[in-house]
Amino acid sequence: MDKILTYKEIRSDVGVQTYFKYMEECFENTSGIFELIGRRSYDKSHALRTAKIAERVLKYLGYKEREQELAKIAAYMHDIGNIISKHGHDQSSAMMFLNIVDRYDEDVFTVVSAIGCHEDETVEPVSPVAAALVIGDKTDVSHERIGAGDLYDLDKHSLVAAACKKVSVIVNKEKMSIKLKIKIDSTVCSVMNYFEIFMSRINYCRKASSVLKCDFKLYINDDKFL
């Protein structure tokens, strides 16, 4: 009988732990890889936040615990391909994940497909698990993802993230809605800057929400935009 894929086992996998250790070392070394991508964190902290949101989205919408766990696994592992390249990292992340697991049940393919499409904004996510991953990933724009340093050294994406001082994802099953609330420090960047940089992410969140049969709502500094 095939083994059951679990979040606990993935978290404790030696290869996975080694990956995150390496990425965290790169993030601490601002003269290394993360300087080239604006020092946005793709380390364990982002993976954990994404996993928490993905799991919570499905939990609050009443999905089965197994689907919640698969979303959590996919979200935790979705960026491991960045160790190869930021470009096409969704596909490389999926392949790396397949190389890590060994003789698990067919749920592994639900996870792989979710990881493999989390950056493809031209299509809808392929499953509720994939949709939850997208929402978890694309809503994590907090200043917590930015390394220490001068704001003037940041690229446009990182500057917007640095301005996002509080980010909340609120799921309402009764109204079938997913609400993203953001507090932006306008002394760092304007609300318009956020839309210029992250509108594609918002559109993908809308697609993901529709897969979950939910409306996606966006509030910035208490003003409703969607």
Protein backbone atom coordinates (compact mmCIF):
# COMPACT_ATOMS: atom_id res chain seq x y z
CA MET A 1 0.00 0.00 0.00
CA ASP A 2 1.34 3.47 -0.92
CA LYS A 3 2.33 5.83 1.87
CA ILE A 4 0.11 8.81 2.66
CA LEU A 5 1.70 12.17 1.90
CA THR A 6 1.69 14.37 5.01
CA TYR A 7 2.71 17.93 5.79
CA LYS A 8 4.61 16.79 8.87
CA GLU A 9 6.75 14.39 6.85
CA ILE A 10 7.52 17.01 4.19
CA ARG A 11 8.53 19.52 6.88
CA SER A 12 10.89 16.98 8.46
CA ASP A 13 12.45 15.80 5.18
CA VAL A 14 16.23 16.32 5.30
CA GLY A 15 16.40 17.49 1.68
CA VAL A 16 13.65 20.06 2.22
CA GLN A 17 15.32 21.33 5.39
CA THR A 18 18.63 21.67 3.54
CA TYR A 19 16.95 23.68 0.79
CA PHE A 20 15.41 26.17 3.21
CA LYS A 21 18.68 26.46 5.14
CA TYR A 22 20.50 27.36 1.94
CA MET A 23 17.85 29.87 0.86
CA GLU A 24 17.86 31.55 4.26
CA GLU A 25 21.63 31.88 4.10
CA CYS A 26 21.29 33.49 0.66
CA PHE A 27 18.67 35.89 2.01
CA GLU A 28 20.93 36.92 4.90
CA ASN A 29 23.74 37.55 2.42
CA THR A 30 22.36 40.62 0.63
CA SER A 31 25.27 40.62 -1.80
CA GLY A 32 24.08 37.25 -3.10
CA ILE A 33 21.08 35.93 -5.01
CA PHE A 34 18.39 37.99 -3.29
CA GLU A 35 20.03 41.29 -4.16
CA LEU A 36 19.32 40.40 -7.78
CA ILE A 37 15.58 40.00 -7.12
CA GLY A 38 15.13 42.97 -4.83
CA ARG A 39 15.83 41.06 -1.62
CA ARG A 40 12.29 39.69 -1.41
CA SER A 41 12.21 36.67 0.84
CA TYR A 42 11.41 33.30 -0.73
CA ASP A 43 12.55 31.47 2.40
CA LYS A 44 10.78 29.38 5.02
CA SER A 45 8.90 32.35 6.49
CA HIS A 46 7.14 32.99 3.17
CA ALA A 47 6.49 29.27 2.76
CA LEU A 48 4.94 29.04 6.23
CA ARG A 49 2.74 32.12 5.74
CA THR A 50 1.56 30.85 2.37
CA ALA A 51 0.83 27.41 3.83
CA LYS A 52 -1.13 28.89 6.72
CA ILE A 53 -3.31 31.03 4.46
CA ALA A 54 -3.90 28.24 1.92
CA GLU A 55 -4.98 25.82 4.63
CA ARG A 56 -7.20 28.41 6.30
CA VAL A 57 -8.96 29.34 3.06
CA LEU A 58 -10.09 25.76 2.47
CA LYS A 59 -10.86 25.17 6.15
CA TYR A 60 -13.15 28.19 6.42
CA LEU A 61 -14.90 27.25 3.18
CA GLY A 62 -15.65 23.78 4.53
CA TYR A 63 -13.32 21.66 2.42
CA LYS A 64 -12.18 18.28 3.74
CA GLU A 65 -9.16 18.08 6.04
CA ARG A 66 -7.25 16.11 3.40
CA GLU A 67 -7.65 18.92 0.87
CA GLN A 68 -6.56 21.42 3.50
CA GLU A 69 -3.40 19.41 4.14
CA LEU A 70 -2.60 19.06 0.44
CA ALA A 71 -2.98 22.82 0.01
CA LYS A 72 -0.66 23.33 2.96
CA ILE A 73 1.95 20.99 1.44
CA ALA A 74 1.74 22.63 -1.99
CA ALA A 75 2.01 26.09 -0.47
CA TYR A 76 4.99 25.16 1.67
CA MET A 77 6.88 23.74 -1.32
CA HIS A 78 5.74 26.08 -4.11
CA ASP A 79 8.90 28.19 -4.41
CA ILE A 80 11.68 25.62 -4.07
CA GLY A 81 12.50 25.99 -7.76
CA ASN A 82 13.91 29.45 -7.03
CA ILE A 83 17.11 27.67 -6.12
CA ILE A 84 17.48 27.03 -9.87
CA SER A 85 16.00 30.24 -11.30
CA LYS A 86 13.19 32.69 -10.60
CA HIS A 87 12.17 32.29 -14.24
CA GLY A 88 9.92 29.25 -14.63
CA HIS A 89 10.29 28.36 -10.97
CA ASP A 90 6.72 27.02 -10.79
CA GLN A 91 7.65 24.20 -13.18
CA SER A 92 11.03 23.51 -11.60
CA SER A 93 9.43 23.56 -8.14
CA ALA A 94 6.95 20.89 -9.25
CA MET A 95 9.72 18.70 -10.66
CA MET A 96 11.87 19.12 -7.56
CA PHE A 97 8.93 18.14 -5.39
CA LEU A 98 8.46 14.95 -7.42
CA ASN A 99 12.11 14.11 -6.86
CA ILE A 100 11.69 14.51 -3.11
CA VAL A 101 8.65 12.28 -2.60
CA ASP A 102 8.85 8.52 -2.91
CA ARG A 103 5.95 6.07 -3.35
CA TYR A 104 3.13 8.17 -2.04
CA ASP A 105 -0.54 7.96 -2.93
CA GLU A 106 -2.07 9.69 -5.96
CA ASP A 107 -2.59 12.88 -3.94
CA VAL A 108 0.99 13.76 -4.80
CA PHE A 109 -0.18 14.69 -8.30
CA THR A 110 -2.76 17.10 -6.85
CA VAL A 111 0.11 18.83 -5.10
CA VAL A 112 2.37 18.78 -8.17
CA SER A 113 -0.28 20.28 -10.45
CA ALA A 114 -1.03 22.99 -7.90
CA ILE A 115 2.65 23.93 -7.59
CA GLY A 116 3.13 23.79 -11.36
CA CYS A 117 0.39 26.31 -12.16
CA HIS A 118 0.77 28.81 -9.32
CA GLU A 119 2.44 31.37 -11.60
CA ASP A 120 0.38 30.77 -14.75
CA GLU A 121 -1.87 33.82 -14.72
CA THR A 122 -3.28 33.01 -18.18
CA VAL A 123 -5.45 30.16 -16.87
CA GLU A 124 -7.57 29.35 -13.86
CA PRO A 125 -6.01 27.22 -11.12
CA VAL A 126 -6.65 23.55 -11.82
CA SER A 127 -8.19 22.62 -8.45
CA PRO A 128 -9.33 24.01 -5.09
CA VAL A 129 -5.90 23.06 -3.73
CA ALA A 130 -4.23 25.09 -6.48
CA ALA A 131 -6.63 27.99 -5.92
CA ALA A 132 -5.84 28.08 -2.20
CA LEU A 133 -2.10 28.06 -2.99
CA VAL A 134 -2.51 31.00 -5.39
CA ILE A 135 -4.39 33.05 -2.81
CA GLY A 136 -1.86 32.24 -0.10
CA ASP A 137 1.08 33.15 -2.33
CA LYS A 138 -0.27 36.24 -4.08
CA THR A 139 -1.62 37.87 -0.93
CA ASP A 140 1.72 37.63 0.91
CA VAL A 141 3.01 41.10 0.07
CA SER A 142 3.92 42.19 3.60
CA HIS A 143 6.97 44.25 4.55
CA GLU A 144 8.07 41.15 6.47
CA ARG A 145 9.33 39.72 3.16
CA ILE A 146 11.87 42.51 2.72
CA GLY A 147 15.40 42.27 4.08
CA ALA A 148 17.06 44.98 6.10
CA GLY A 149 18.56 47.84 4.13
CA ASP A 150 17.90 51.19 2.53
CA LEU A 151 14.51 51.52 0.83
CA TYR A 152 16.19 53.35 -2.03
CA ASP A 153 18.03 50.14 -2.90
CA LEU A 154 14.81 48.20 -3.50
CA ASP A 155 13.26 47.47 -6.87
CA LYS A 156 9.67 48.56 -7.53
CA HIS A 157 8.12 45.25 -6.45
CA SER A 158 10.05 45.20 -3.20
CA LEU A 159 9.28 48.85 -2.46
CA VAL A 160 5.55 48.17 -2.71
CA ALA A 161 5.91 45.14 -0.45
CA ALA A 162 7.85 47.27 2.05
CA ALA A 163 4.92 49.72 2.13
CA CYS A 164 2.37 47.01 3.00
CA LYS A 165 2.40 47.23 6.79
CA LYS A 166 -0.58 45.00 7.50
CA VAL A 167 -2.17 42.34 5.29
CA SER A 168 -5.26 40.30 6.23
CA VAL A 169 -7.08 37.58 4.31
CA ILE A 170 -10.67 37.18 5.50
CA VAL A 171 -12.79 34.23 4.34
CA ASN A 172 -16.57 34.38 4.73
CA LYS A 173 -18.30 31.09 3.89
CA GLU A 174 -21.78 32.52 4.40
CA LYS A 175 -21.19 35.25 1.82
CA MET A 176 -18.79 33.07 -0.21
CA SER A 177 -16.24 35.83 -0.30
CA ILE A 178 -12.49 36.17 0.14
CA LYS A 179 -11.40 39.62 1.26
CA LEU A 180 -7.86 41.01 1.09
CA LYS A 181 -7.31 44.00 3.38
CA ILE A 182 -4.05 45.94 3.10
CA LYS A 183 -2.66 48.88 5.04
CA ILE A 184 -0.22 50.78 2.83
CA ASP A 185 2.23 53.34 4.17
CA SER A 186 1.78 56.12 1.64
CA THR A 187 5.09 57.69 2.66
CA VAL A 188 6.82 54.66 1.14
CA CYS A 189 4.71 54.30 -2.00
CA SER A 190 1.29 55.27 -3.30
CA VAL A 191 -1.77 53.08 -3.70
CA MET A 192 -1.41 53.58 -7.44
CA ASN A 193 2.08 52.06 -7.23
CA TYR A 194 0.52 48.95 -5.72
CA PHE A 195 -1.87 48.58 -8.63
CA GLU A 196 0.86 49.21 -11.19
CA ILE A 197 2.96 46.38 -9.76
CA PHE A 198 0.48 43.88 -8.39
CA MET A 199 -2.66 44.12 -10.53
CA SER A 200 -1.81 40.85 -12.26
CA ARG A 201 -1.65 39.16 -8.86
CA ILE A 202 -5.04 40.57 -7.92
CA ASN A 203 -6.53 39.27 -11.16
CA TYR A 204 -5.11 35.81 -10.46
CA CYS A 205 -6.59 35.93 -6.95
CA ARG A 206 -9.95 36.68 -8.56
CA LYS A 207 -9.59 33.64 -10.82
CA ALA A 208 -8.58 31.49 -7.87
CA SER A 209 -11.55 32.72 -5.85
CA SER A 210 -13.91 31.88 -8.70
CA VAL A 211 -12.58 28.29 -8.67
CA LEU A 212 -13.63 28.23 -5.01
CA LYS A 213 -16.99 29.75 -6.00
CA CYS A 214 -16.17 32.91 -4.08
CA ASP A 215 -16.07 36.63 -4.86
CA PHE A 216 -12.72 38.32 -4.32
CA LYS A 217 -12.76 41.70 -2.58
CA LEU A 218 -9.89 44.15 -2.14
CA TYR A 219 -9.63 46.89 0.49
CA ILE A 220 -6.66 49.23 0.73
CA ASN A 221 -6.48 51.62 3.70
CA ASP A 222 -10.17 50.82 4.35
CA ASP A 223 -11.24 51.88 0.85
CA LYS A 224 -12.92 49.23 -1.30
CA PHE A 225 -11.41 48.76 -4.76
CA LEU A 226 -12.98 45.42 -5.77
